[in-house]
Amino acid sequence: MLMTLAADRDGVAAAHEQIRPYIRRTPTLLLDGITAKLELCQHAGSFKTRGAFANVLMRDVPPAGVVAATGGNHGASVSYAARAVGRVAKIFAPAYSSPAKLQRIRDYGGNLTLVPGLAEGFAAQDAWAAETGAIVVHSFDQLETMLGAGTVALELEEQAPGLDTVLVPVGGAGFIAGVGAWYQGSVRVIGVEPELSPTLYNALEAGHPVDTQTGVGIAADATSPPRVGALAFPVARQWVDRVVLVTDDAIRRAQGHLWSHARIVAEPAGACTMAAILSGVYTPAPTERVGIIISGGNTVAVDFTR
């Protein structure tokens, strides 16, 4: 279905109307006084499924199907969504991606090719689209991708009205741009990134997207693109209050905390928001009502008790 879209509440609502029959309304859980939105319960194991369905339902998908470069979750979600609408998906993912994510891509019928890193994946994605006529489903820098991701905030507002602040994990900034497009300043939106891949943090400091090291750190397959998206950045800059940075050790401790306190198995990127709270890089005020988004749960088995 083709329509005129913008990165605003109307655009997010339009995306939600289209994708609602295909996605799960993921639950929330009150954890240590914080409202956690559990996107790890989404089809294909992460919030990325929302943006994938927004693309295949709100754009014309040719018989050549779709192509995507991914750290892992986006590829699994695009493969899942393409299969649901009877189209093929070609996926390029770094060899360092989580084996759990790569297996999900294969399980959902994605035609997977491994590449050295995300930069090579994006180049291969564009070359495949030019060669075959497949449409690119960008992992973060596509309007439909942002609007689909923003439906997390739409649901969260219904499930937990009156929040003061929402913490969002950041990679290429499409997710947080979608969340910001929904709230539009009515809720304080805080980005959380690993210290080793501060893509949005660096972009906000510079005033524009800048190259950042990629493929490093515990959450490299989800939060470590070469730079934030050119489309996503101005939306994020308009609505994001600030970005805080967490260490890999803090992320590991947050994974353990989520497991020991609620039996939640969060992947490293999914635990970033809890890591920000536990490590003190974001300290809520005594009466502040805070929500966090646990973005995904595609990870190999880990002994969180260590």
C-alpha atoms as a PDB file:
ATOM      1  CA  MET A   1       0.000   0.000   0.000  1.00  0.00           C
ATOM      2  CA  LEU A   2       1.535   3.296  -1.117  1.00  0.00           C
ATOM      3  CA  MET A   3       0.912   6.469   0.878  1.00  0.00           C
ATOM      4  CA  THR A   4       2.487   9.799   1.724  1.00  0.00           C
ATOM      5  CA  LEU A   5       4.456   9.425   4.938  1.00  0.00           C
ATOM      6  CA  ALA A   6       6.435  11.626   7.282  1.00  0.00           C
ATOM      7  CA  ALA A   7       8.430  10.991  10.445  1.00  0.00           C
ATOM      8  CA  ASP A   8       5.680  12.104  12.810  1.00  0.00           C
ATOM      9  CA  ARG A   9       2.839  10.692  14.905  1.00  0.00           C
ATOM     10  CA  ASP A  10       0.574  10.314  11.883  1.00  0.00           C
ATOM     11  CA  GLY A  11       3.261   8.353  10.062  1.00  0.00           C
ATOM     12  CA  VAL A  12       3.822   6.035  13.018  1.00  0.00           C
ATOM     13  CA  ALA A  13       0.070   5.526  13.427  1.00  0.00           C
ATOM     14  CA  ALA A  14      -0.269   4.712   9.720  1.00  0.00           C
ATOM     15  CA  ALA A  15       2.531   2.165   9.976  1.00  0.00           C
ATOM     16  CA  HIS A  16       0.932   0.598  13.039  1.00  0.00           C
ATOM     17  CA  GLU A  17      -2.387   0.236  11.240  1.00  0.00           C
ATOM     18  CA  GLN A  18      -0.665  -1.694   8.455  1.00  0.00           C
ATOM     19  CA  ILE A  19       1.592  -3.950  10.502  1.00  0.00           C
ATOM     20  CA  ARG A  20      -0.674  -4.643  13.483  1.00  0.00           C
ATOM     21  CA  PRO A  21      -2.090  -7.936  12.088  1.00  0.00           C
ATOM     22  CA  TYR A  22       1.445  -9.252  11.553  1.00  0.00           C
ATOM     23  CA  ILE A  23       3.224  -8.316  14.791  1.00  0.00           C
ATOM     24  CA  ARG A  24       2.897  -9.031  18.478  1.00  0.00           C
ATOM     25  CA  ARG A  25       1.851  -6.383  20.947  1.00  0.00           C
ATOM     26  CA  THR A  26       4.775  -7.088  23.225  1.00  0.00           C
ATOM     27  CA  PRO A  27       4.274  -6.999  26.995  1.00  0.00           C
ATOM     28  CA  THR A  28       5.616  -4.622  29.589  1.00  0.00           C
ATOM     29  CA  LEU A  29       6.981  -5.580  32.987  1.00  0.00           C
ATOM     30  CA  LEU A  30       7.556  -3.455  36.063  1.00  0.00           C
ATOM     31  CA  LEU A  31      11.132  -4.227  37.063  1.00  0.00           C
ATOM     32  CA  ASP A  32      12.841  -2.410  39.948  1.00  0.00           C
ATOM     33  CA  GLY A  33      10.330   0.395  39.553  1.00  0.00           C
ATOM     34  CA  ILE A  34      11.140   0.717  35.837  1.00  0.00           C
ATOM     35  CA  THR A  35       8.667  -0.137  33.082  1.00  0.00           C
ATOM     36  CA  ALA A  36      10.402  -2.481  30.637  1.00  0.00           C
ATOM     37  CA  LYS A  37       8.967  -2.995  27.146  1.00  0.00           C
ATOM     38  CA  LEU A  38       9.903  -6.539  26.118  1.00  0.00           C
ATOM     39  CA  GLU A  39      10.604  -6.448  22.391  1.00  0.00           C
ATOM     40  CA  LEU A  40      12.553  -9.672  22.719  1.00  0.00           C
ATOM     41  CA  CYS A  41       9.076 -11.274  22.652  1.00  0.00           C
ATOM     42  CA  GLN A  42       8.443  -9.938  19.139  1.00  0.00           C
ATOM     43  CA  HIS A  43       8.346 -12.259  16.104  1.00  0.00           C
ATOM     44  CA  ALA A  44      11.937 -13.012  15.043  1.00  0.00           C
ATOM     45  CA  GLY A  45      13.128 -11.925  18.481  1.00  0.00           C
ATOM     46  CA  SER A  46      13.476  -8.154  18.168  1.00  0.00           C
ATOM     47  CA  PHE A  47      11.796  -4.820  17.432  1.00  0.00           C
ATOM     48  CA  LYS A  48      13.253  -4.957  13.906  1.00  0.00           C
ATOM     49  CA  THR A  49      10.266  -7.014  12.757  1.00  0.00           C
ATOM     50  CA  ARG A  50       8.102  -3.908  12.981  1.00  0.00           C
ATOM     51  CA  GLY A  51      10.202  -1.976  10.473  1.00  0.00           C
ATOM     52  CA  ALA A  52      10.535  -5.004   8.219  1.00  0.00           C
ATOM     53  CA  PHE A  53       6.763  -5.386   7.946  1.00  0.00           C
ATOM     54  CA  ALA A  54       6.313  -1.649   7.446  1.00  0.00           C
ATOM     55  CA  ASN A  55       8.571  -1.926   4.396  1.00  0.00           C
ATOM     56  CA  VAL A  56       6.982  -4.969   2.788  1.00  0.00           C
ATOM     57  CA  LEU A  57       3.424  -3.758   3.424  1.00  0.00           C
ATOM     58  CA  MET A  58       3.789  -0.031   2.686  1.00  0.00           C
ATOM     59  CA  ARG A  59       5.996  -0.296  -0.422  1.00  0.00           C
ATOM     60  CA  ASP A  60       5.610  -2.126  -3.715  1.00  0.00           C
ATOM     61  CA  VAL A  61       7.755  -5.267  -3.442  1.00  0.00           C
ATOM     62  CA  PRO A  62       8.717  -6.671  -6.872  1.00  0.00           C
ATOM     63  CA  PRO A  63       9.007 -10.371  -7.687  1.00  0.00           C
ATOM     64  CA  ALA A  64      12.786  -9.980  -7.150  1.00  0.00           C
ATOM     65  CA  GLY A  65      11.951  -9.437  -3.494  1.00  0.00           C
ATOM     66  CA  VAL A  66      13.953  -7.508  -0.932  1.00  0.00           C
ATOM     67  CA  VAL A  67      17.577  -7.157   0.042  1.00  0.00           C
ATOM     68  CA  ALA A  68      19.070  -6.020   3.349  1.00  0.00           C
ATOM     69  CA  ALA A  69      22.404  -5.550   5.050  1.00  0.00           C
ATOM     70  CA  THR A  70      22.274  -6.408   8.717  1.00  0.00           C
ATOM     71  CA  GLY A  71      24.132  -7.043  11.911  1.00  0.00           C
ATOM     72  CA  GLY A  72      21.707  -9.926  12.421  1.00  0.00           C
ATOM     73  CA  ASN A  73      18.325  -8.973  13.844  1.00  0.00           C
ATOM     74  CA  HIS A  74      17.256  -6.893  10.865  1.00  0.00           C
ATOM     75  CA  GLY A  75      18.102  -9.733   8.500  1.00  0.00           C
ATOM     76  CA  ALA A  76      16.081 -12.204  10.531  1.00  0.00           C
ATOM     77  CA  SER A  77      13.128  -9.814  10.629  1.00  0.00           C
ATOM     78  CA  VAL A  78      13.285  -9.018   6.908  1.00  0.00           C
ATOM     79  CA  SER A  79      13.459 -12.732   6.115  1.00  0.00           C
ATOM     80  CA  TYR A  80      10.454 -13.371   8.359  1.00  0.00           C
ATOM     81  CA  ALA A  81       8.402 -10.526   6.869  1.00  0.00           C
ATOM     82  CA  ALA A  82       9.296 -11.361   3.270  1.00  0.00           C
ATOM     83  CA  ARG A  83       8.261 -14.971   3.766  1.00  0.00           C
ATOM     84  CA  ALA A  84       4.944 -13.818   5.263  1.00  0.00           C
ATOM     85  CA  VAL A  85       4.080 -11.872   2.092  1.00  0.00           C
ATOM     86  CA  GLY A  86       5.409 -14.461  -0.344  1.00  0.00           C
ATOM     87  CA  ARG A  87       8.627 -12.703  -1.398  1.00  0.00           C
ATOM     88  CA  VAL A  88      12.281 -13.707  -1.285  1.00  0.00           C
ATOM     89  CA  ALA A  89      14.913 -12.015   0.861  1.00  0.00           C
ATOM     90  CA  LYS A  90      18.630 -11.655   0.174  1.00  0.00           C
ATOM     91  CA  ILE A  91      20.612 -10.868   3.309  1.00  0.00           C
ATOM     92  CA  PHE A  92      24.214  -9.725   3.774  1.00  0.00           C
ATOM     93  CA  ALA A  93      25.582 -10.005   7.316  1.00  0.00           C
ATOM     94  CA  PRO A  94      29.033  -9.700   8.930  1.00  0.00           C
ATOM     95  CA  ALA A  95      30.815 -12.907   9.805  1.00  0.00           C
ATOM     96  CA  TYR A  96      31.053 -11.643  13.410  1.00  0.00           C
ATOM     97  CA  SER A  97      27.260 -11.607  13.836  1.00  0.00           C
ATOM     98  CA  SER A  98      25.783 -13.744  16.578  1.00  0.00           C
ATOM     99  CA  PRO A  99      25.338 -17.360  15.436  1.00  0.00           C
ATOM    100  CA  ALA A 100      21.828 -17.232  16.905  1.00  0.00           C
ATOM    101  CA  LYS A 101      20.927 -14.346  14.604  1.00  0.00           C
ATOM    102  CA  LEU A 102      22.478 -15.935  11.540  1.00  0.00           C
ATOM    103  CA  GLN A 103      20.575 -19.138  12.191  1.00  0.00           C
ATOM    104  CA  ARG A 104      17.319 -17.206  12.456  1.00  0.00           C
ATOM    105  CA  ILE A 105      17.946 -15.694   9.018  1.00  0.00           C
ATOM    106  CA  ARG A 106      18.376 -19.169   7.575  1.00  0.00           C
ATOM    107  CA  ASP A 107      15.390 -20.551   9.479  1.00  0.00           C
ATOM    108  CA  TYR A 108      13.115 -17.895   7.974  1.00  0.00           C
ATOM    109  CA  GLY A 109      14.296 -18.617   4.436  1.00  0.00           C
ATOM    110  CA  GLY A 110      16.690 -15.727   3.942  1.00  0.00           C
ATOM    111  CA  ASN A 111      19.387 -16.212   1.306  1.00  0.00           C
ATOM    112  CA  LEU A 112      22.373 -15.367   3.514  1.00  0.00           C
ATOM    113  CA  THR A 113      25.834 -14.254   2.426  1.00  0.00           C
ATOM    114  CA  LEU A 114      28.506 -13.431   5.000  1.00  0.00           C
ATOM    115  CA  VAL A 115      30.700 -10.372   4.500  1.00  0.00           C
ATOM    116  CA  PRO A 116      33.623  -8.957   6.514  1.00  0.00           C
ATOM    117  CA  GLY A 117      31.669  -6.076   8.076  1.00  0.00           C
ATOM    118  CA  LEU A 118      28.628  -3.828   7.837  1.00  0.00           C
ATOM    119  CA  ALA A 119      30.244  -1.402   5.391  1.00  0.00           C
ATOM    120  CA  GLU A 120      30.793  -4.279   2.970  1.00  0.00           C
ATOM    121  CA  GLY A 121      27.254  -5.447   3.651  1.00  0.00           C
ATOM    122  CA  PHE A 122      25.748  -2.107   2.679  1.00  0.00           C
ATOM    123  CA  ALA A 123      27.808  -2.048  -0.532  1.00  0.00           C
ATOM    124  CA  ALA A 124      26.739  -5.595  -1.391  1.00  0.00           C
ATOM    125  CA  GLN A 125      23.107  -4.726  -0.609  1.00  0.00           C
ATOM    126  CA  ASP A 126      23.116  -1.816  -3.054  1.00  0.00           C
ATOM    127  CA  ALA A 127      24.872  -3.839  -5.750  1.00  0.00           C
ATOM    128  CA  TRP A 128      22.328  -6.664  -5.407  1.00  0.00           C
ATOM    129  CA  ALA A 129      19.427  -4.230  -5.710  1.00  0.00           C
ATOM    130  CA  ALA A 130      20.923  -2.679  -8.857  1.00  0.00           C
ATOM    131  CA  GLU A 131      21.549  -6.100 -10.393  1.00  0.00           C
ATOM    132  CA  THR A 132      18.249  -7.814  -9.601  1.00  0.00           C
ATOM    133  CA  GLY A 133      15.637  -5.093  -9.096  1.00  0.00           C
ATOM    134  CA  ALA A 134      15.039  -6.102  -5.478  1.00  0.00           C
ATOM    135  CA  ILE A 135      14.137  -3.230  -3.175  1.00  0.00           C
ATOM    136  CA  VAL A 136      16.454  -2.281  -0.342  1.00  0.00           C
ATOM    137  CA  VAL A 137      15.022  -2.571   3.156  1.00  0.00           C
ATOM    138  CA  HIS A 138      17.510  -0.469   5.081  1.00  0.00           C
ATOM    139  CA  SER A 139      18.121  -1.488   8.657  1.00  0.00           C
ATOM    140  CA  PHE A 140      17.768   2.039  10.031  1.00  0.00           C
ATOM    141  CA  ASP A 141      17.897   4.754   7.364  1.00  0.00           C
ATOM    142  CA  GLN A 142      14.543   4.185   5.657  1.00  0.00           C
ATOM    143  CA  LEU A 143      11.396   6.106   6.520  1.00  0.00           C
ATOM    144  CA  GLU A 144       9.254   2.978   6.741  1.00  0.00           C
ATOM    145  CA  THR A 145      11.861   1.344   8.969  1.00  0.00           C
ATOM    146  CA  MET A 146      11.776   4.298  11.348  1.00  0.00           C
ATOM    147  CA  LEU A 147       7.990   4.440  11.408  1.00  0.00           C
ATOM    148  CA  GLY A 148       7.710   0.725  12.096  1.00  0.00           C
ATOM    149  CA  ALA A 149      10.171   1.049  14.963  1.00  0.00           C
ATOM    150  CA  GLY A 150       8.170   3.978  16.294  1.00  0.00           C
ATOM    151  CA  THR A 151       5.189   1.708  16.870  1.00  0.00           C
ATOM    152  CA  VAL A 152       7.025   0.432  19.955  1.00  0.00           C
ATOM    153  CA  ALA A 153       6.491   3.875  21.484  1.00  0.00           C
ATOM    154  CA  LEU A 154       2.860   3.963  20.342  1.00  0.00           C
ATOM    155  CA  GLU A 155       2.198   0.744  22.245  1.00  0.00           C
ATOM    156  CA  LEU A 156       4.262   1.793  25.241  1.00  0.00           C
ATOM    157  CA  GLU A 157       2.293   5.019  25.586  1.00  0.00           C
ATOM    158  CA  GLU A 158      -0.914   2.967  25.719  1.00  0.00           C
ATOM    159  CA  GLN A 159       0.531   0.417  28.147  1.00  0.00           C
ATOM    160  CA  ALA A 160       2.340   2.858  30.433  1.00  0.00           C
ATOM    161  CA  PRO A 161       0.769   6.313  30.154  1.00  0.00           C
ATOM    162  CA  GLY A 162       2.409   9.139  32.028  1.00  0.00           C
ATOM    163  CA  LEU A 163       6.052   8.147  31.622  1.00  0.00           C
ATOM    164  CA  ASP A 164       8.516  10.992  32.017  1.00  0.00           C
ATOM    165  CA  THR A 165      11.485   9.340  30.300  1.00  0.00           C
ATOM    166  CA  VAL A 166      12.112   6.464  27.900  1.00  0.00           C
ATOM    167  CA  LEU A 167      15.561   4.935  27.331  1.00  0.00           C
ATOM    168  CA  VAL A 168      16.215   3.514  23.859  1.00  0.00           C
ATOM    169  CA  PRO A 169      19.215   1.503  22.595  1.00  0.00           C
ATOM    170  CA  VAL A 170      20.918   3.105  19.605  1.00  0.00           C
ATOM    171  CA  GLY A 171      22.768   1.768  16.577  1.00  0.00           C
ATOM    172  CA  GLY A 172      22.053   3.634  13.357  1.00  0.00           C
ATOM    173  CA  ALA A 173      19.458   5.889  15.069  1.00  0.00           C
ATOM    174  CA  GLY A 174      16.421   4.661  13.124  1.00  0.00           C
ATOM    175  CA  PHE A 175      14.827   3.155  16.240  1.00  0.00           C
ATOM    176  CA  ILE A 176      15.267   6.206  18.437  1.00  0.00           C
ATOM    177  CA  ALA A 177      14.175   8.473  15.573  1.00  0.00           C
ATOM    178  CA  GLY A 178      10.927   6.511  15.325  1.00  0.00           C
ATOM    179  CA  VAL A 179      10.392   6.667  19.076  1.00  0.00           C
ATOM    180  CA  GLY A 180      11.067  10.399  19.052  1.00  0.00           C
ATOM    181  CA  ALA A 181       8.731  10.906  16.100  1.00  0.00           C
ATOM    182  CA  TRP A 182       5.924   9.381  18.154  1.00  0.00           C
ATOM    183  CA  TYR A 183       6.521  11.185  21.449  1.00  0.00           C
ATOM    184  CA  GLN A 184       7.548  14.529  19.865  1.00  0.00           C
ATOM    185  CA  GLY A 185       8.876  15.945  23.094  1.00  0.00           C
ATOM    186  CA  SER A 186       6.032  14.842  25.357  1.00  0.00           C
ATOM    187  CA  VAL A 187       8.410  12.320  26.947  1.00  0.00           C
ATOM    188  CA  ARG A 188      12.157  12.725  27.478  1.00  0.00           C
ATOM    189  CA  VAL A 189      13.906  10.313  25.070  1.00  0.00           C
ATOM    190  CA  ILE A 190      17.406   9.174  26.096  1.00  0.00           C
ATOM    191  CA  GLY A 191      19.649   7.173  23.787  1.00  0.00           C
ATOM    192  CA  VAL A 192      21.956   4.482  25.139  1.00  0.00           C
ATOM    193  CA  GLU A 193      25.025   3.327  23.213  1.00  0.00           C
ATOM    194  CA  PRO A 194      28.059   1.184  24.024  1.00  0.00           C
ATOM    195  CA  GLU A 195      31.179   3.223  24.722  1.00  0.00           C
ATOM    196  CA  LEU A 196      32.950   1.370  21.916  1.00  0.00           C
ATOM    197  CA  SER A 197      30.472   2.445  19.222  1.00  0.00           C
ATOM    198  CA  PRO A 198      29.090   5.892  20.067  1.00  0.00           C
ATOM    199  CA  THR A 199      27.582   6.589  16.647  1.00  0.00           C
ATOM    200  CA  LEU A 200      24.766   8.954  17.637  1.00  0.00           C
ATOM    201  CA  TYR A 201      26.759  10.418  20.519  1.00  0.00           C
ATOM    202  CA  ASN A 202      29.544  11.407  18.097  1.00  0.00           C
ATOM    203  CA  ALA A 203      27.079  12.682  15.503  1.00  0.00           C
ATOM    204  CA  LEU A 204      25.342  14.932  18.020  1.00  0.00           C
ATOM    205  CA  GLU A 205      28.709  16.259  19.159  1.00  0.00           C
ATOM    206  CA  ALA A 206      29.741  16.996  15.557  1.00  0.00           C
ATOM    207  CA  GLY A 207      26.334  18.241  14.418  1.00  0.00           C
ATOM    208  CA  HIS A 208      26.190  15.699  11.588  1.00  0.00           C
ATOM    209  CA  PRO A 209      26.752  11.959  11.011  1.00  0.00           C
ATOM    210  CA  VAL A 210      30.410  10.988  11.289  1.00  0.00           C
ATOM    211  CA  ASP A 211      32.303   7.740  10.795  1.00  0.00           C
ATOM    212  CA  THR A 212      32.677   5.649  13.944  1.00  0.00           C
ATOM    213  CA  GLN A 213      34.556   2.412  14.480  1.00  0.00           C
ATOM    214  CA  THR A 214      32.462  -0.636  13.708  1.00  0.00           C
ATOM    215  CA  GLY A 215      32.493  -4.317  14.545  1.00  0.00           C
ATOM    216  CA  VAL A 216      33.823  -3.912  18.079  1.00  0.00           C
ATOM    217  CA  GLY A 217      32.388  -4.644  21.495  1.00  0.00           C
ATOM    218  CA  ILE A 218      29.916  -7.084  22.959  1.00  0.00           C
ATOM    219  CA  ALA A 219      26.966  -5.527  21.083  1.00  0.00           C
ATOM    220  CA  ALA A 220      28.761  -5.049  17.760  1.00  0.00           C
ATOM    221  CA  ASP A 221      26.198  -6.991  15.735  1.00  0.00           C
ATOM    222  CA  ALA A 222      23.388  -4.614  16.740  1.00  0.00           C
ATOM    223  CA  THR A 223      24.756  -1.213  17.758  1.00  0.00           C
ATOM    224  CA  SER A 224      27.870  -0.710  15.645  1.00  0.00           C
ATOM    225  CA  PRO A 225      27.121   0.624  12.149  1.00  0.00           C
ATOM    226  CA  PRO A 226      29.718   2.819  10.395  1.00  0.00           C
ATOM    227  CA  ARG A 227      27.632   5.931  11.106  1.00  0.00           C
ATOM    228  CA  VAL A 228      24.080   6.988  11.925  1.00  0.00           C
ATOM    229  CA  GLY A 229      21.611   7.359   9.089  1.00  0.00           C
ATOM    230  CA  ALA A 230      21.356  10.575   7.111  1.00  0.00           C
ATOM    231  CA  LEU A 231      17.547  10.398   7.215  1.00  0.00           C
ATOM    232  CA  ALA A 232      17.369   9.291  10.826  1.00  0.00           C
ATOM    233  CA  PHE A 233      19.822  11.825  12.231  1.00  0.00           C
ATOM    234  CA  PRO A 234      17.779  15.049  11.881  1.00  0.00           C
ATOM    235  CA  VAL A 235      14.735  13.358  13.403  1.00  0.00           C
ATOM    236  CA  ALA A 236      16.822  12.030  16.281  1.00  0.00           C
ATOM    237  CA  ARG A 237      18.544  15.378  16.796  1.00  0.00           C
ATOM    238  CA  GLN A 238      15.154  17.092  17.022  1.00  0.00           C
ATOM    239  CA  TRP A 239      13.621  14.786  19.619  1.00  0.00           C
ATOM    240  CA  VAL A 240      16.423  13.066  21.555  1.00  0.00           C
ATOM    241  CA  ASP A 241      17.343  14.735  24.837  1.00  0.00           C
ATOM    242  CA  ARG A 242      20.823  13.205  24.996  1.00  0.00           C
ATOM    243  CA  VAL A 243      22.823   9.999  24.626  1.00  0.00           C
ATOM    244  CA  VAL A 244      24.568   8.148  27.450  1.00  0.00           C
ATOM    245  CA  LEU A 245      27.305   5.562  27.030  1.00  0.00           C
ATOM    246  CA  VAL A 246      27.690   2.192  28.756  1.00  0.00           C
ATOM    247  CA  THR A 247      30.649  -0.160  29.012  1.00  0.00           C
ATOM    248  CA  ASP A 248      30.684  -3.773  27.889  1.00  0.00           C
ATOM    249  CA  ASP A 249      31.044  -4.825  31.525  1.00  0.00           C
ATOM    250  CA  ALA A 250      27.924  -2.832  32.433  1.00  0.00           C
ATOM    251  CA  ILE A 251      26.028  -4.533  29.610  1.00  0.00           C
ATOM    252  CA  ARG A 252      27.080  -7.970  30.845  1.00  0.00           C
ATOM    253  CA  ARG A 253      25.996  -7.109  34.387  1.00  0.00           C
ATOM    254  CA  ALA A 254      22.653  -5.895  33.064  1.00  0.00           C
ATOM    255  CA  GLN A 255      22.146  -9.153  31.190  1.00  0.00           C
ATOM    256  CA  GLY A 256      22.777 -11.020  34.412  1.00  0.00           C
ATOM    257  CA  HIS A 257      20.444  -8.738  36.346  1.00  0.00           C
ATOM    258  CA  LEU A 258      17.614  -9.215  33.878  1.00  0.00           C
ATOM    259  CA  TRP A 259      18.072 -12.973  34.033  1.00  0.00           C
ATOM    260  CA  SER A 260      18.352 -13.257  37.810  1.00  0.00           C
ATOM    261  CA  HIS A 261      15.496 -10.854  38.572  1.00  0.00           C
ATOM    262  CA  ALA A 262      13.001 -11.673  35.831  1.00  0.00           C
ATOM    263  CA  ARG A 263      14.346 -14.627  33.822  1.00  0.00           C
ATOM    264  CA  ILE A 264      14.689 -12.320  30.809  1.00  0.00           C
ATOM    265  CA  VAL A 265      17.323 -13.432  28.302  1.00  0.00           C
ATOM    266  CA  ALA A 266      18.351 -10.179  26.645  1.00  0.00           C
ATOM    267  CA  GLU A 267      20.977  -9.910  23.963  1.00  0.00           C
ATOM    268  CA  PRO A 268      23.718  -7.351  24.689  1.00  0.00           C
ATOM    269  CA  ALA A 269      22.058  -4.519  22.730  1.00  0.00           C
ATOM    270  CA  GLY A 270      18.771  -5.318  24.423  1.00  0.00           C
ATOM    271  CA  ALA A 271      20.360  -4.954  27.856  1.00  0.00           C
ATOM    272  CA  CYS A 272      21.945  -1.550  27.150  1.00  0.00           C
ATOM    273  CA  THR A 273      19.053   0.422  28.610  1.00  0.00           C
ATOM    274  CA  MET A 274      19.079  -1.522  31.862  1.00  0.00           C
ATOM    275  CA  ALA A 275      22.871  -1.138  31.921  1.00  0.00           C
ATOM    276  CA  ALA A 276      22.426   2.643  31.851  1.00  0.00           C
ATOM    277  CA  ILE A 277      20.234   2.498  34.960  1.00  0.00           C
ATOM    278  CA  LEU A 278      22.307  -0.032  36.907  1.00  0.00           C
ATOM    279  CA  SER A 279      25.650   1.631  36.155  1.00  0.00           C
ATOM    280  CA  GLY A 280      24.392   5.079  37.083  1.00  0.00           C
ATOM    281  CA  VAL A 281      25.104   6.792  33.770  1.00  0.00           C
ATOM    282  CA  TYR A 282      21.409   7.621  33.880  1.00  0.00           C
ATOM    283  CA  THR A 283      19.987   8.159  37.373  1.00  0.00           C
ATOM    284  CA  PRO A 284      16.250   8.829  37.541  1.00  0.00           C
ATOM    285  CA  ALA A 285      14.960  11.490  39.889  1.00  0.00           C
ATOM    286  CA  PRO A 286      13.089  10.142  42.942  1.00  0.00           C
ATOM    287  CA  THR A 287       9.638  10.613  41.410  1.00  0.00           C
ATOM    288  CA  GLU A 288      10.608  10.142  37.762  1.00  0.00           C
ATOM    289  CA  ARG A 289       8.616   7.548  35.833  1.00  0.00           C
ATOM    290  CA  VAL A 290      11.012   5.738  33.537  1.00  0.00           C
ATOM    291  CA  GLY A 291      10.518   3.249  30.740  1.00  0.00           C
ATOM    292  CA  ILE A 292      13.212   1.192  29.046  1.00  0.00           C
ATOM    293  CA  ILE A 293      13.045  -0.785  25.834  1.00  0.00           C
ATOM    294  CA  ILE A 294      14.664  -4.211  25.830  1.00  0.00           C
ATOM    295  CA  SER A 295      15.066  -4.407  22.096  1.00  0.00           C
ATOM    296  CA  GLY A 296      15.889  -8.055  21.425  1.00  0.00           C
ATOM    297  CA  GLY A 297      16.757 -11.475  22.735  1.00  0.00           C
ATOM    298  CA  ASN A 298      18.610 -13.230  19.922  1.00  0.00           C
ATOM    299  CA  THR A 299      21.678 -14.553  21.641  1.00  0.00           C
ATOM    300  CA  VAL A 300      23.469 -17.819  22.193  1.00  0.00           C
ATOM    301  CA  ALA A 301      23.052 -19.543  25.550  1.00  0.00           C
ATOM    302  CA  VAL A 302      24.991 -17.677  28.215  1.00  0.00           C
ATOM    303  CA  ASP A 303      25.605 -18.483  31.851  1.00  0.00           C
ATOM    304  CA  PHE A 304      24.429 -15.183  33.315  1.00  0.00           C
ATOM    305  CA  THR A 305      25.312 -16.349  36.828  1.00  0.00           C
ATOM    306  CA  ARG A 306      29.054 -16.045  36.235  1.00  0.00           C
END
